[in-house]
């Protein structure tokens, strides 16, 4: 039993793979080299030919890893780099000044620096190193201005330019503007509740986390449905009417078969529209509740004259813009149309653009059930 528990514990020390390709790794490597080089050259020139104080500090190397390798991280943003490093160095210098024992000064500097960075929203891991360096070296408050502040500003400017040129958003906005209150499976409030429950600092921005969850959801759909095509789940030989079909005939067909939509085709079986119960109700003006049945009967009654003052055939009330899908289209691509687009019926066409089937919400649910049953 002890060996059984020891293996997972030891396995937890093994790092997970970094899921980026070689080009992204080289982008980070080259960017860090250029950023440090620029900072070093400028600060060495600033310090003069024979500087007495350091003009480049070691914590900047850790900052470069964040700025160029993970520019989307909240810990790598400009305010985090500049504020975290500079304020932490000030805290370290203060601890060195007021606390005589270097061990106590170093511990207090790191702890207080973390507290300051949390409070001012500039949490930056190299800031802890800057605080410790300033506390142990008793560098004085000027150390926070140069080289810490100047180093951090130059590195950040290099990150803005390089990340922008290589297609990475930097600065990376940490709060996404609310564009819509709708969500596929979870809302913004749901995500906020989950983050509150987690109650730990995560090294990814909130908007990126939301995108990752949506991508994962999409991948799960793709894995669940696999290569399932529309032609495999559609209802074949669907009922359809033509442009000139009388309204009474179309309505009777929908009532008898208990369906809510009929594709409208031409003589070659190509889709020209779709007529739904909503189209009939729109003509009968459902806003006026009284006499609705009578108005519907009047709509369906044929006038018998060449020139009628009301619609007589399906083509006059149908919806002309129809969302269709091909037989070979993946079923997973239709899920958003049903779940978010408000569609209830999607006609299916073949390579010749002719109607060969229709997919309804019921067809989709049956397909989901079959797939779930197979996975069990």
Foldseek 3Di string as FASTA:
>chain_A
DVVVVVVVVVVVVDDDDDPDDPVLVVQLVVLLVVLVVQQVVVQCVVQDDDHPDDQDDDLVSVLSCCLRNPLQWLQNALCLQQVLQLVLLQLLLVLLVPPPDLVVSLVRSLVVSCVVCVVVVNHHVSSNVSSNCCNNVNPHNVVSVGPRNSSSVSSLVSSCVSCVVVPHDGVHDQDDPDPDQDDQPDGPVRLVVVCVVVPDDDGGGPVVVVVVVVVVVLVVLCVLQPQDFQLVLFAFPDAAAELFAWPLVVVVVCVVVVHFKHFYAHPVQAGQFMDGPVLLQVQLPVVPVPCSVVSSVVQRDDPPDPDDPHDTGPNVRTGGDAAEEERRDRPSVCVCCVRPVVDAKHFYAYPVNHTTGMDGPVSVVVSSVVSVVVVD
